[in-house]
Amino acid sequence: MQRRFVAEIALESESKERKVMRVLVNDWIDVQEGRYRYLATDDIGYSVIRIVVADYLACEVGWKTDT
């Protein structure tokens, strides 16, 4: 959760209507390059951890969080 950041994107339509959107950006974390990486996501009451070991073995664990 500490490595996430929010990007703010401004969109403007042809009629000059402007809308600002905030996007949560989260990327894979390489613990040991080529050996172990993971991705943690939290999406509206559901958390998922994805793990890849040696670019061969993968695991995904998910659970519903109380909000």
N, C-alpha and C. Protein backbone atom coordinates (compact mmCIF):
# COMPACT_ATOMS: atom_id res chain seq x y z
N MET A 1 0.81 -1.20 0.00
CA MET A 1 0.00 0.00 0.00
C MET A 1 0.86 1.27 0.00
N GLN A 2 2.10 1.18 0.43
CA GLN A 2 2.94 2.36 0.54
C GLN A 2 3.46 2.84 -0.81
N ARG A 3 3.44 2.00 -1.82
CA ARG A 3 4.02 2.37 -3.11
C ARG A 3 2.99 2.80 -4.14
N ARG A 4 1.79 2.99 -3.73
CA ARG A 4 0.74 3.45 -4.63
C ARG A 4 0.80 4.97 -4.74
N PHE A 5 0.33 5.48 -5.87
CA PHE A 5 0.19 6.92 -5.98
C PHE A 5 -1.01 7.24 -6.86
N VAL A 6 -1.48 8.43 -6.73
CA VAL A 6 -2.66 8.87 -7.47
C VAL A 6 -2.24 9.88 -8.53
N ALA A 7 -2.68 9.63 -9.75
CA ALA A 7 -2.44 10.58 -10.84
C ALA A 7 -3.74 11.32 -11.10
N GLU A 8 -3.64 12.60 -11.33
CA GLU A 8 -4.82 13.41 -11.61
C GLU A 8 -4.81 13.75 -13.10
N ILE A 9 -5.89 13.39 -13.78
CA ILE A 9 -6.00 13.58 -15.22
C ILE A 9 -7.15 14.54 -15.50
N ALA A 10 -6.88 15.56 -16.30
CA ALA A 10 -7.92 16.52 -16.68
C ALA A 10 -8.36 16.22 -18.12
N LEU A 11 -9.65 16.04 -18.30
CA LEU A 11 -10.22 15.78 -19.62
C LEU A 11 -11.10 16.95 -20.02
N GLU A 12 -11.05 17.29 -21.29
CA GLU A 12 -11.88 18.39 -21.78
C GLU A 12 -12.61 17.93 -23.04
N SER A 13 -13.93 18.10 -23.04
CA SER A 13 -14.72 17.68 -24.20
C SER A 13 -14.68 18.76 -25.28
N GLU A 14 -15.23 18.43 -26.43
CA GLU A 14 -15.27 19.41 -27.52
C GLU A 14 -16.09 20.64 -27.16
N SER A 15 -17.05 20.47 -26.25
CA SER A 15 -17.88 21.59 -25.80
C SER A 15 -17.21 22.36 -24.64
N LYS A 16 -15.93 22.10 -24.42
CA LYS A 16 -15.12 22.77 -23.39
C LYS A 16 -15.53 22.41 -21.97
N GLU A 17 -16.28 21.33 -21.81
CA GLU A 17 -16.62 20.86 -20.47
C GLU A 17 -15.41 20.11 -19.91
N ARG A 18 -14.96 20.51 -18.75
CA ARG A 18 -13.75 19.95 -18.17
C ARG A 18 -14.11 19.00 -17.03
N LYS A 19 -13.43 17.86 -17.00
CA LYS A 19 -13.65 16.89 -15.95
C LYS A 19 -12.28 16.42 -15.45
N VAL A 20 -12.10 16.42 -14.13
CA VAL A 20 -10.85 15.97 -13.52
C VAL A 20 -11.10 14.61 -12.89
N MET A 21 -10.24 13.65 -13.24
CA MET A 21 -10.37 12.29 -12.71
C MET A 21 -9.09 11.95 -11.95
N ARG A 22 -9.24 11.21 -10.87
CA ARG A 22 -8.09 10.71 -10.11
C ARG A 22 -7.97 9.22 -10.37
N VAL A 23 -6.77 8.78 -10.71
CA VAL A 23 -6.52 7.40 -11.05
C VAL A 23 -5.47 6.83 -10.10
N LEU A 24 -5.78 5.70 -9.47
CA LEU A 24 -4.84 5.04 -8.58
C LEU A 24 -3.89 4.18 -9.42
N VAL A 25 -2.60 4.40 -9.25
CA VAL A 25 -1.59 3.68 -10.02
C VAL A 25 -0.85 2.73 -9.09
N ASN A 26 -0.78 1.49 -9.50
CA ASN A 26 -0.12 0.46 -8.70
C ASN A 26 0.61 -0.46 -9.67
N ASP A 27 1.87 -0.77 -9.41
CA ASP A 27 2.66 -1.59 -10.32
C ASP A 27 3.29 -2.75 -9.57
N TRP A 28 3.78 -3.72 -10.33
CA TRP A 28 4.48 -4.87 -9.75
C TRP A 28 5.71 -4.39 -9.00
N ILE A 29 5.98 -5.01 -7.85
CA ILE A 29 7.15 -4.72 -7.04
C ILE A 29 8.13 -5.88 -7.20
N ASP A 30 9.32 -5.60 -7.75
CA ASP A 30 10.37 -6.61 -7.88
C ASP A 30 11.16 -6.66 -6.58
N VAL A 31 11.03 -7.76 -5.85
CA VAL A 31 11.78 -7.93 -4.61
C VAL A 31 13.20 -8.39 -4.95
N GLN A 32 13.28 -9.40 -5.82
CA GLN A 32 14.55 -9.85 -6.38
C GLN A 32 14.31 -9.99 -7.88
N GLU A 33 14.98 -9.18 -8.68
CA GLU A 33 14.74 -9.16 -10.11
C GLU A 33 14.91 -10.56 -10.72
N GLY A 34 13.89 -10.99 -11.45
CA GLY A 34 13.89 -12.30 -12.08
C GLY A 34 13.59 -13.46 -11.15
N ARG A 35 13.44 -13.18 -9.84
CA ARG A 35 13.20 -14.25 -8.88
C ARG A 35 11.84 -14.14 -8.19
N TYR A 36 11.47 -12.94 -7.76
CA TYR A 36 10.26 -12.79 -6.95
C TYR A 36 9.68 -11.40 -7.13
N ARG A 37 8.40 -11.34 -7.44
CA ARG A 37 7.70 -10.05 -7.54
C ARG A 37 6.26 -10.24 -7.07
N TYR A 38 5.65 -9.12 -6.68
CA TYR A 38 4.26 -9.18 -6.23
C TYR A 38 3.51 -7.91 -6.61
N LEU A 39 2.19 -8.04 -6.60
CA LEU A 39 1.29 -6.91 -6.87
C LEU A 39 0.16 -6.99 -5.86
N ALA A 40 -0.08 -5.90 -5.17
CA ALA A 40 -1.18 -5.84 -4.19
C ALA A 40 -2.21 -4.83 -4.69
N THR A 41 -3.47 -5.25 -4.76
CA THR A 41 -4.54 -4.35 -5.18
C THR A 41 -5.66 -4.37 -4.15
N ASP A 42 -6.35 -3.28 -4.06
CA ASP A 42 -7.49 -3.15 -3.15
C ASP A 42 -8.57 -2.40 -3.92
N ASP A 43 -9.64 -3.10 -4.26
CA ASP A 43 -10.66 -2.53 -5.12
C ASP A 43 -12.03 -2.66 -4.47
N ILE A 44 -12.53 -1.57 -3.94
CA ILE A 44 -13.88 -1.46 -3.38
C ILE A 44 -14.29 -2.71 -2.60
N GLY A 45 -13.60 -2.93 -1.49
CA GLY A 45 -13.98 -4.01 -0.60
C GLY A 45 -13.42 -5.38 -0.94
N TYR A 46 -12.48 -5.46 -1.87
CA TYR A 46 -11.90 -6.74 -2.25
C TYR A 46 -10.40 -6.55 -2.44
N SER A 47 -9.59 -7.28 -1.67
CA SER A 47 -8.13 -7.18 -1.77
C SER A 47 -7.57 -8.41 -2.46
N VAL A 48 -6.54 -8.20 -3.29
CA VAL A 48 -5.90 -9.29 -4.02
C VAL A 48 -4.38 -9.10 -3.96
N ILE A 49 -3.67 -10.19 -3.66
CA ILE A 49 -2.21 -10.22 -3.71
C ILE A 49 -1.83 -11.23 -4.78
N ARG A 50 -1.00 -10.80 -5.73
CA ARG A 50 -0.50 -11.70 -6.78
C ARG A 50 1.01 -11.82 -6.59
N ILE A 51 1.51 -13.08 -6.66
CA ILE A 51 2.93 -13.36 -6.45
C ILE A 51 3.44 -14.19 -7.62
N VAL A 52 4.64 -13.87 -8.11
CA VAL A 52 5.29 -14.67 -9.15
C VAL A 52 6.70 -15.00 -8.65
N VAL A 53 7.05 -16.30 -8.69
CA VAL A 53 8.36 -16.76 -8.26
C VAL A 53 9.09 -17.34 -9.46
N ALA A 54 10.28 -16.83 -9.73
CA ALA A 54 11.17 -17.31 -10.79
C ALA A 54 10.50 -17.32 -12.17
N ASP A 55 9.59 -16.41 -12.41
CA ASP A 55 8.84 -16.35 -13.67
C ASP A 55 8.24 -17.69 -14.06
N TYR A 56 7.94 -18.52 -13.06
CA TYR A 56 7.42 -19.86 -13.31
C TYR A 56 6.18 -20.17 -12.47
N LEU A 57 6.27 -19.93 -11.18
CA LEU A 57 5.20 -20.26 -10.25
C LEU A 57 4.44 -19.00 -9.88
N ALA A 58 3.12 -19.03 -10.02
CA ALA A 58 2.29 -17.87 -9.70
C ALA A 58 1.22 -18.24 -8.69
N CYS A 59 0.84 -17.26 -7.89
CA CYS A 59 -0.18 -17.46 -6.87
C CYS A 59 -1.01 -16.19 -6.77
N GLU A 60 -2.31 -16.36 -6.54
CA GLU A 60 -3.20 -15.22 -6.33
C GLU A 60 -4.07 -15.53 -5.12
N VAL A 61 -4.11 -14.59 -4.18
CA VAL A 61 -4.93 -14.73 -2.99
C VAL A 61 -5.83 -13.51 -2.92
N GLY A 62 -7.12 -13.73 -2.73
CA GLY A 62 -8.06 -12.63 -2.65
C GLY A 62 -9.01 -12.80 -1.48
N TRP A 63 -9.47 -11.69 -0.93
CA TRP A 63 -10.44 -11.75 0.15
C TRP A 63 -11.27 -10.49 0.17
N LYS A 64 -12.46 -10.64 0.68
CA LYS A 64 -13.36 -9.51 0.81
C LYS A 64 -13.05 -8.79 2.11
N THR A 65 -12.92 -7.48 2.03
CA THR A 65 -12.63 -6.68 3.21
C THR A 65 -13.91 -6.00 3.67
N ASP A 66 -14.03 -5.83 4.95
CA ASP A 66 -15.19 -5.14 5.51
C ASP A 66 -14.99 -3.64 5.36
N THR A 67 -15.95 -2.98 4.76
CA THR A 67 -15.86 -1.54 4.60
C THR A 67 -17.00 -0.86 5.30
